[in-house]
Structure formats: structure tokens, C-alpha cells
Amino acid sequence: MIRPFSANISEEILDDLKNRIKNTRWPDEIANSNWIYGTNLSFMKELSNYWLYEFNWRKVEAEINSFPNFIATIDGYDIHFIHVEGKGKKRIPLIITHGWPGSFIEMLKLIPLLTNDEEISFDLVIPSLIGFGYSGKSQVEGCNSEFVAHLWHKLMMELGYEKYGAQGGDIGSGVSSWLALKYPLNLIGLHLNYISGSYKPFLKDGEQLTDEVVAFQKYASEWASKEAAYSFIQSTKPITLAFGLNDSPVGLCAWIIEKFNSWSDNNGEINSIFTKDELLANITLYWMTQTIHSSIRMYNENSKHPLQFGENDYIKIPVAFAKFPKELPTPPRSYIEKGFNITHWTEMPAGGHFAAMEQPDLLAKDIKDFFKQLAI
């Protein structure tokens, strides 16, 4: 069952948010520490003041509602998604999946870029992951990326798309990869701008890793020792963290903002890439929907079911990879190709983990270039 959806939170919840921001108990900070210990205190005070007195959530809702929004109930789960049909003579169905700490709002800049081409455009389906945004939450074990992929396939079938493409970054890359693994006859192509951190291809007995891969694994391990504490706690004890983040909007904001600062291509100045309104739109969505725990819980579920390929697992359909320079540690192409049929690889000149927000033109062009090859 599919029904229209409109974003409209109550004034009481907005008033409660402002009261909580006003009553924040601020931590102390080592002088001139900037972002070294985590989210910068002076930046957070400035952003919180903007959140309190200038940010307008109703404008965000109006932008969301300017697109066709729906809720589909599939296997008992409510799936929120935006569905925009392309204007081109030839239209390619494409499902785009976000990750954490992003949301479907990340993808809004892509919509006009991918739907307005008069020759070839896309019928875009942009869902919210289960436990994120306006989608329903799972309160039983097993809601991992593969589980979501099966729901996504049923959604595309429900919409009448027997053949379609998939695109994703972060958690969305894992969901999209599972789609390609499980439904190769339905997918025409897979476009990724990240590879799941749990990815391991099948290696034959006695097969040795190349020096290139060993060097990458050393680098990734060193990066994780400094930057991946968030992932360890979200993979092991997510609800302990959630008690604080679900109760304090500034706590929630600080937890998410630190990632937008660390993972974007901003040369040390987050405001050069994201506006305050863009940052707060995404964070406020988490707050309004109370989805911080259900979203980070997916780290726990994916840790129990990683993207590790068996002997017969190989994604044979055409695969594109857009490598952004400030992305999280990314395996070398030779290692990815052990599990994916890479036919299109792009080294991007700029951009980081939040490619659709940071460099929407670059990402959209690469998506179009790849799928146009497959549509001829």
C-alpha cells in the first residue's frame, strides 16, 4: 500500500526543542583546541544560537513537501520515499540510498540535476532507511543492509520498475551492493561513491594480499584508531549513547556535526561547504523524528552481518565508482574489483563523504555518464 505523505511537525515539538537548546549545560574546553578534541565549543554555541533564533524548520518542511512524498507499507514496515519522474524522452528508474549521519535531505540537490535532461533522465526513488527520518523503526533484530535491500526491491516492484539502477554512499552503498548481489536480473547498473567498511571479497586458499592492499589496511587501521570511536560504540552499545543524544538537541547536534566537519572536503572551515541551514535541516530531522537510536542501531546490525563475499558472490552487473578525495578510507580499485565488475571509475577533483551535498554537480554528472552508457 502506497499513500501520499506530507511533513508537518507540531508547534509543541518545535517549542520544546527551543526550550531544550536554551537550557543547555555547556562543557568546558581547552583553550585554542579548535576541533582537536571533537566538536568545537565556540562553533557549537554559534550554531545553537542560530538554531534557536534564526533557523526555520517550516522552510525545510516546505522544501520537502515541494517534492512528491509517499509512505509505502511493505512487510509491515512504513517506508518514506520521494518519487520524482524524469522529464526525458528516455527515463531510467534509479533508487538512491543515503547513510548515517545523513538522510534523504542529503539528496535533494540531486533531484533537478537528474530529472530535467530532455534526452535521458531518471525516475528517482529516494527512500529513508528503516529507522531514519520518516520511515518506520524496527524493534526486532536483523534490520541490516541486506534486510533493507529486500524491502527496496519490493518497493521498486510495487512502483512498477522491473529494471532499475541503484546508487549509494555510506550505509547506502551497502544496501545498494546487496541489491546488486541478490537481484542481478533486475538491476541494470550500480553506482557507488563509497564502499562498505566491512567489505571483504572472496580470497582463494593461499591467496596473498598485494602490497597495495596491505598498505591500505594499515592506513585504514591507523585512521580507525583516531577517528572510529563513534563506530565502535554504535556497533556495540548504541542505546547507551542514545539516552543522551535523544534527550539533548545540542548533544545530538555535536555528535553529528563533528562528522560533517571531519568527513567533508572543507579545508578546515565547515561553513565553506555547508550553510547553517543545511546542517541544521538534517540534524533537526533526527531530532523531530527521534531516530538517533534506531539509526545508529544499524551499525550494530551490520556488524553482525557484514558485506563479506563467499566463493560464488560477485557483482556481475556494470558498476561505477566515484572516488571523492576526502572520502573515508577507500580500498584500492584492484581490491574492489575482486567483488565488483567495475566498468566506470572516476577520480573526483573535490568532495568528501557527503558528496550529494558537497559536490552535487560532480556526482550527478558521473551518475548520468554511467547510466547513459547502459541505456544506449
Protein backbone atom coordinates (compact mmCIF):
# COMPACT_ATOMS: atom_id res chain seq x y z
CA MET A 1 0.00 0.00 0.00
CA ILE A 2 1.35 3.42 -1.02
CA ARG A 3 -0.11 6.68 0.26
CA PRO A 4 0.88 10.37 -0.02
CA PHE A 5 2.87 11.91 2.81
CA SER A 6 3.39 15.49 3.96
CA ALA A 7 5.93 16.68 6.55
CA ASN A 8 4.27 18.71 9.32
CA ILE A 9 5.57 18.59 12.88
CA SER A 10 3.58 20.13 15.73
CA GLU A 11 4.37 23.54 17.21
CA GLU A 12 4.64 21.91 20.64
CA ILE A 13 7.64 19.85 19.48
CA LEU A 14 9.28 22.95 17.97
CA ASP A 15 8.73 24.88 21.20
CA ASP A 16 10.18 22.02 23.25
CA LEU A 17 13.27 21.99 21.02
CA LYS A 18 13.88 25.69 21.64
CA ASN A 19 13.45 25.31 25.39
CA ARG A 20 15.96 22.48 25.47
CA ILE A 21 18.50 24.49 23.48
CA LYS A 22 18.05 27.43 25.88
CA ASN A 23 18.66 25.14 28.88
CA THR A 24 21.85 23.55 27.56
CA ARG A 25 24.60 22.94 30.12
CA TRP A 26 27.79 23.70 28.20
CA PRO A 27 31.07 21.79 28.80
CA ASP A 28 34.41 23.49 29.31
CA GLU A 29 37.14 23.43 26.68
CA ILE A 30 40.93 23.57 26.45
CA ALA A 31 41.93 26.98 25.12
CA ASN A 32 42.57 27.20 21.36
CA SER A 33 41.88 23.50 20.89
CA ASN A 34 39.69 24.13 17.81
CA TRP A 35 38.32 20.70 16.68
CA ILE A 36 41.19 18.60 18.04
CA TYR A 37 39.16 17.05 20.89
CA GLY A 38 35.93 16.83 18.91
CA THR A 39 33.24 19.38 18.14
CA ASN A 40 34.45 22.93 18.72
CA LEU A 41 32.70 24.70 21.61
CA SER A 42 32.55 28.19 20.11
CA PHE A 43 31.21 26.80 16.82
CA MET A 44 28.53 24.88 18.69
CA LYS A 45 27.47 27.96 20.65
CA GLU A 46 27.23 29.97 17.43
CA LEU A 47 25.30 27.23 15.64
CA SER A 48 22.96 26.69 18.60
CA ASN A 49 22.21 30.40 18.76
CA TYR A 50 21.33 30.32 15.07
CA TRP A 51 19.21 27.20 15.65
CA LEU A 52 17.34 29.00 18.41
CA TYR A 53 16.71 32.38 16.82
CA GLU A 54 17.09 32.16 13.03
CA PHE A 55 16.67 28.62 11.71
CA ASN A 56 13.23 27.98 10.26
CA TRP A 57 12.12 24.34 10.23
CA ARG A 58 8.92 25.27 8.41
CA LYS A 59 11.02 26.33 5.40
CA VAL A 60 12.64 22.88 5.42
CA GLU A 61 9.24 21.21 5.54
CA ALA A 62 8.10 23.37 2.63
CA GLU A 63 11.10 22.27 0.58
CA ILE A 64 10.48 18.61 1.44
CA ASN A 65 6.80 18.96 0.57
CA SER A 66 7.65 20.60 -2.77
CA PHE A 67 8.52 17.09 -3.96
CA PRO A 68 6.10 14.14 -4.16
CA ASN A 69 6.45 12.27 -0.83
CA PHE A 70 4.93 8.89 -0.05
CA ILE A 71 4.77 6.16 2.57
CA ALA A 72 4.78 2.56 1.35
CA THR A 73 3.92 -0.23 3.78
CA ILE A 74 5.95 -3.29 2.83
CA ASP A 75 6.24 -6.40 5.01
CA GLY A 76 4.82 -4.35 7.88
CA TYR A 77 7.40 -1.55 7.58
CA ASP A 78 6.49 2.02 6.68
CA ILE A 79 8.98 3.29 4.11
CA HIS A 80 9.10 7.02 3.43
CA PHE A 81 10.32 7.98 -0.02
CA ILE A 82 10.39 10.80 -2.53
CA HIS A 83 9.40 9.80 -6.06
CA VAL A 84 10.13 12.23 -8.90
CA GLU A 85 9.65 11.18 -12.52
CA GLY A 86 12.16 12.38 -15.08
CA LYS A 87 11.30 14.68 -17.98
CA GLY A 88 13.48 12.99 -20.61
CA LYS A 89 12.39 11.02 -23.65
CA LYS A 90 14.16 8.04 -22.08
CA ARG A 91 13.77 7.57 -18.33
CA ILE A 92 15.87 5.31 -16.14
CA PRO A 93 14.46 4.25 -12.75
CA LEU A 94 17.08 4.87 -10.05
CA ILE A 95 16.87 4.26 -6.31
CA ILE A 96 19.31 6.38 -4.26
CA THR A 97 20.09 5.43 -0.66
CA HIS A 98 21.64 7.70 1.97
CA GLY A 99 23.65 6.78 5.05
CA TRP A 100 24.47 7.98 8.57
CA PRO A 101 24.60 10.73 9.82
CA GLY A 102 22.85 11.91 6.68
CA SER A 103 19.29 11.47 5.50
CA PHE A 104 17.15 11.73 2.40
CA ILE A 105 17.59 15.53 2.72
CA GLU A 106 21.19 14.99 1.52
CA MET A 107 19.86 14.04 -1.91
CA LEU A 108 17.53 16.97 -2.61
CA LYS A 109 20.14 18.89 -4.63
CA LEU A 110 20.43 15.91 -6.99
CA ILE A 111 16.76 15.89 -7.96
CA PRO A 112 16.72 18.70 -10.55
CA LEU A 113 20.13 17.65 -11.87
CA LEU A 114 18.93 14.10 -12.59
CA THR A 115 15.33 14.66 -13.69
CA ASN A 116 15.45 17.63 -16.08
CA ASP A 117 17.51 16.31 -19.00
CA GLU A 118 15.27 16.26 -22.08
CA GLU A 119 17.02 13.27 -23.66
CA ILE A 120 17.80 10.89 -20.81
CA SER A 121 16.68 11.50 -17.25
CA PHE A 122 15.88 9.46 -14.17
CA ASP A 123 12.76 8.40 -12.35
CA LEU A 124 14.16 8.98 -8.87
CA VAL A 125 13.16 6.99 -5.82
CA ILE A 126 14.82 8.41 -2.69
CA PRO A 127 13.81 6.46 0.42
CA SER A 128 14.62 6.97 4.08
CA LEU A 129 16.37 3.95 5.57
CA ILE A 130 14.36 1.97 8.10
CA GLY A 131 14.88 3.73 11.44
CA PHE A 132 15.77 7.04 9.78
CA GLY A 133 13.70 10.15 9.15
CA TYR A 134 10.05 9.50 8.37
CA SER A 135 10.42 5.75 7.80
CA GLY A 136 9.28 3.32 10.46
CA LYS A 137 11.58 1.74 13.01
CA SER A 138 12.43 -1.91 13.51
CA GLN A 139 12.24 -3.10 17.10
CA VAL A 140 13.46 -6.61 16.39
CA GLU A 141 16.94 -7.82 15.49
CA GLY A 142 18.02 -8.23 11.91
CA CYS A 143 17.40 -4.83 10.31
CA ASN A 144 20.72 -4.71 8.46
CA SER A 145 21.66 -3.50 4.99
CA GLU A 146 20.69 -6.76 3.28
CA PHE A 147 17.30 -6.71 5.00
CA VAL A 148 16.70 -3.17 3.77
CA ALA A 149 17.78 -4.16 0.25
CA HIS A 150 14.98 -6.73 0.07
CA LEU A 151 12.47 -4.05 1.11
CA TRP A 152 13.86 -1.67 -1.51
CA HIS A 153 13.43 -4.29 -4.24
CA LYS A 154 9.83 -4.87 -3.24
CA LEU A 155 9.28 -1.10 -3.27
CA MET A 156 10.63 -0.80 -6.80
CA MET A 157 8.44 -3.69 -7.93
CA GLU A 158 5.43 -2.05 -6.28
CA LEU A 159 6.19 1.12 -8.26
CA GLY A 160 6.25 -0.90 -11.48
CA TYR A 161 10.01 -0.81 -12.08
CA GLU A 162 11.08 -4.29 -13.18
CA LYS A 163 14.50 -2.96 -14.26
CA TYR A 164 16.25 -0.20 -12.37
CA GLY A 165 19.57 1.19 -11.23
CA ALA A 166 20.87 1.68 -7.71
CA GLN A 167 23.11 4.34 -6.20
CA GLY A 168 24.50 4.79 -2.72
CA GLY A 169 27.13 6.09 -0.35
CA ASP A 170 27.89 5.19 3.27
CA ILE A 171 25.24 2.70 4.50
CA GLY A 172 23.51 3.26 1.17
CA SER A 173 26.48 1.71 -0.62
CA GLY A 174 25.99 -1.48 1.37
CA VAL A 175 22.24 -1.55 0.71
CA SER A 176 22.82 -0.95 -2.99
CA SER A 177 25.52 -3.62 -3.15
CA TRP A 178 23.19 -6.16 -1.54
CA LEU A 179 20.55 -5.22 -4.11
CA ALA A 180 23.02 -5.99 -6.90
CA LEU A 181 24.07 -9.25 -5.27
CA LYS A 182 20.54 -10.52 -4.65
CA TYR A 183 18.66 -9.12 -7.66
CA PRO A 184 21.14 -9.04 -10.57
CA LEU A 185 18.42 -9.73 -13.15
CA ASN A 186 16.54 -6.59 -12.11
CA LEU A 187 19.43 -4.15 -11.77
CA ILE A 188 20.82 -2.50 -14.89
CA GLY A 189 23.74 -0.92 -13.06
CA LEU A 190 25.19 0.03 -9.69
CA HIS A 191 26.77 3.40 -8.91
CA LEU A 192 28.68 3.85 -5.65
CA ASN A 193 30.55 6.73 -4.06
CA TYR A 194 31.68 4.65 -1.08
CA ILE A 195 32.43 1.03 -0.32
CA SER A 196 31.16 -0.51 2.90
CA GLY A 197 33.86 -0.61 5.56
CA SER A 198 33.03 -4.26 6.21
CA TYR A 199 33.60 -5.25 2.56
CA LYS A 200 35.79 -8.29 2.00
CA PRO A 201 35.91 -10.15 -1.30
CA PHE A 202 36.36 -13.91 -1.51
CA LEU A 203 40.01 -14.96 -1.49
CA LYS A 204 41.13 -18.39 -2.61
CA ASP A 205 43.06 -20.60 -0.18
CA GLY A 206 46.63 -19.37 -0.04
CA GLU A 207 45.89 -16.17 -1.96
CA GLN A 208 48.07 -13.38 -0.64
CA LEU A 209 47.06 -9.76 -0.40
CA THR A 210 49.02 -7.39 -2.59
CA ASP A 211 51.36 -4.81 -1.09
CA GLU A 212 48.86 -2.16 -2.20
CA VAL A 213 46.05 -3.75 -0.21
CA VAL A 214 48.25 -4.37 2.85
CA ALA A 215 49.28 -0.70 2.82
CA PHE A 216 45.62 0.34 2.60
CA GLN A 217 44.64 -1.89 5.52
CA LYS A 218 47.44 -0.39 7.63
CA TYR A 219 46.26 3.11 6.77
CA ALA A 220 42.62 2.23 7.48
CA SER A 221 43.57 0.74 10.86
CA GLU A 222 45.52 3.86 11.80
CA TRP A 223 42.60 6.04 10.72
CA ALA A 224 40.17 3.95 12.78
CA SER A 225 42.32 4.23 15.91
CA LYS A 226 41.88 8.02 15.78
CA GLU A 227 38.51 8.52 14.09
CA ALA A 228 36.29 5.47 14.53
CA ALA A 229 35.28 5.59 18.20
CA TYR A 230 31.78 6.59 17.06
CA SER A 231 31.52 3.39 15.03
CA PHE A 232 32.71 1.15 17.85
CA ILE A 233 30.12 2.43 20.32
CA GLN A 234 27.33 2.48 17.72
CA SER A 235 28.21 -1.10 16.77
CA THR A 236 28.30 -2.36 20.34
CA LYS A 237 26.28 -0.24 22.83
CA PRO A 238 24.08 2.09 20.75
CA ILE A 239 21.31 2.61 23.29
CA THR A 240 23.73 3.81 25.98
CA LEU A 241 24.73 6.66 23.69
CA ALA A 242 21.14 7.27 22.61
CA PHE A 243 19.89 8.17 26.11
CA GLY A 244 21.90 11.38 25.97
CA LEU A 245 21.51 12.21 22.29
CA ASN A 246 17.75 11.64 22.28
CA ASP A 247 17.35 13.98 25.25
CA SER A 248 19.70 16.84 24.38
CA PRO A 249 19.41 18.57 20.99
CA VAL A 250 22.82 20.21 21.40
CA GLY A 251 24.32 16.82 22.30
CA LEU A 252 22.75 15.32 19.20
CA CYS A 253 23.96 18.23 17.11
CA ALA A 254 27.54 17.98 18.39
CA TRP A 255 27.67 14.23 17.70
CA ILE A 256 26.55 14.68 14.09
CA ILE A 257 28.32 17.98 13.31
CA GLU A 258 31.71 16.51 14.20
CA LYS A 259 31.27 14.04 11.33
CA PHE A 260 30.19 16.70 8.84
CA ASN A 261 33.32 18.63 9.77
CA SER A 262 35.74 15.71 9.75
CA TRP A 263 34.43 13.92 6.68
CA SER A 264 33.88 16.79 4.26
CA ASP A 265 36.33 18.47 1.92
CA ASN A 266 36.29 21.81 3.74
CA ASN A 267 39.96 22.78 4.25
CA GLY A 268 39.32 23.33 7.95
CA GLU A 269 36.28 25.56 7.52
CA ILE A 270 32.96 23.71 7.66
CA ASN A 271 31.00 26.85 6.75
CA SER A 272 32.77 26.95 3.39
CA ILE A 273 30.94 23.77 2.35
CA PHE A 274 27.66 23.70 4.28
CA THR A 275 25.35 26.50 5.31
CA LYS A 276 24.00 26.52 8.83
CA ASP A 277 20.55 25.86 7.40
CA GLU A 278 21.78 22.75 5.56
CA LEU A 279 23.45 21.34 8.65
CA LEU A 280 20.50 22.07 10.92
CA ALA A 281 17.90 20.72 8.48
CA ASN A 282 19.50 17.28 8.69
CA ILE A 283 20.05 17.41 12.46
CA THR A 284 16.55 18.72 13.17
CA LEU A 285 15.09 15.84 11.15
CA TYR A 286 16.82 13.40 13.52
CA TRP A 287 15.51 15.37 16.49
CA MET A 288 11.90 15.70 15.32
CA THR A 289 11.59 12.02 14.42
CA GLN A 290 13.55 10.73 17.46
CA THR A 291 15.55 8.44 15.21
CA ILE A 292 19.07 8.72 16.58
CA HIS A 293 18.89 5.36 18.35
CA SER A 294 17.11 3.49 15.55
CA SER A 295 19.58 4.92 13.03
CA ILE A 296 22.81 4.14 14.88
CA ARG A 297 21.45 0.69 15.74
CA MET A 298 22.05 -0.25 12.11
CA TYR A 299 25.77 -0.17 12.87
CA ASN A 300 25.17 -2.94 15.38
CA GLU A 301 23.09 -4.95 12.94
CA ASN A 302 25.59 -4.55 10.10
CA SER A 303 28.47 -5.58 12.36
CA LYS A 304 26.71 -8.94 12.77
CA HIS A 305 26.11 -9.26 9.02
CA PRO A 306 28.99 -7.60 7.16
CA LEU A 307 29.40 -7.28 3.39
CA GLN A 308 31.74 -10.25 3.05
CA PHE A 309 31.59 -12.24 -0.17
CA GLY A 310 31.56 -16.01 -0.41
CA GLU A 311 33.10 -18.07 -3.20
CA ASN A 312 30.15 -17.55 -5.54
CA ASP A 313 29.48 -13.91 -4.64
CA TYR A 314 30.43 -11.45 -7.35
CA ILE A 315 28.50 -8.45 -8.62
CA LYS A 316 28.44 -9.09 -12.35
CA ILE A 317 26.31 -6.16 -13.47
CA PRO A 318 28.15 -2.97 -14.55
CA VAL A 319 29.43 -1.00 -11.55
CA ALA A 320 30.60 2.62 -11.37
CA PHE A 321 32.69 4.06 -8.56
CA ALA A 322 33.08 7.79 -7.92
CA LYS A 323 36.08 8.30 -5.64
CA PHE A 324 35.99 11.63 -3.81
CA PRO A 325 39.36 12.76 -2.38
CA LYS A 326 38.22 13.40 1.21
CA GLU A 327 36.14 10.22 1.49
CA LEU A 328 36.72 7.83 4.38
CA PRO A 329 39.41 5.19 3.74
CA THR A 330 38.64 3.52 0.41
CA PRO A 331 40.24 0.25 -0.74
CA PRO A 332 42.28 0.31 -3.95
CA ARG A 333 40.45 -0.42 -7.18
CA SER A 334 42.18 -3.81 -7.53
CA TYR A 335 40.66 -4.96 -4.22
CA ILE A 336 37.16 -3.67 -5.01
CA GLU A 337 37.31 -5.40 -8.41
CA LYS A 338 37.62 -8.78 -6.72
CA GLY A 339 33.93 -8.48 -5.84
CA PHE A 340 32.56 -5.84 -8.24
CA ASN A 341 32.54 -5.60 -12.04
CA ILE A 342 33.95 -2.08 -12.22
CA THR A 343 33.32 -0.64 -15.69
CA HIS A 344 33.43 3.06 -14.80
CA TRP A 345 35.85 4.66 -12.29
CA THR A 346 36.15 8.40 -11.64
CA GLU A 347 38.76 10.18 -9.54
CA MET A 348 36.93 13.29 -8.41
CA PRO A 349 38.75 16.63 -8.09
CA ALA A 350 36.97 17.68 -4.89
CA GLY A 351 34.46 16.44 -2.34
CA GLY A 352 34.18 14.17 0.65
CA HIS A 353 31.81 11.77 2.34
CA PHE A 354 28.65 13.83 1.79
CA ALA A 355 29.07 14.01 -1.97
CA ALA A 356 25.45 14.78 -2.85
CA MET A 357 25.53 17.85 -0.58
CA GLU A 358 29.14 18.90 -1.17
CA GLN A 359 29.51 18.35 -4.90
CA PRO A 360 26.07 17.58 -6.36
CA ASP A 361 27.07 18.63 -9.87
CA LEU A 362 30.07 16.29 -9.96
CA LEU A 363 28.10 13.37 -8.54
CA ALA A 364 25.09 13.91 -10.81
CA LYS A 365 27.29 14.14 -13.91
CA ASP A 366 29.03 10.89 -13.04
CA ILE A 367 25.71 9.13 -12.44
CA LYS A 368 24.42 10.38 -15.79
CA ASP A 369 27.61 9.49 -17.67
CA PHE A 370 27.50 5.94 -16.32
CA PHE A 371 23.84 5.12 -16.84
CA LYS A 372 23.71 6.76 -20.27
CA GLN A 373 26.25 4.16 -21.41
CA LEU A 374 23.94 1.40 -20.22
CA ALA A 375 20.79 2.93 -21.73
CA ILE A 376 22.09 3.07 -25.32
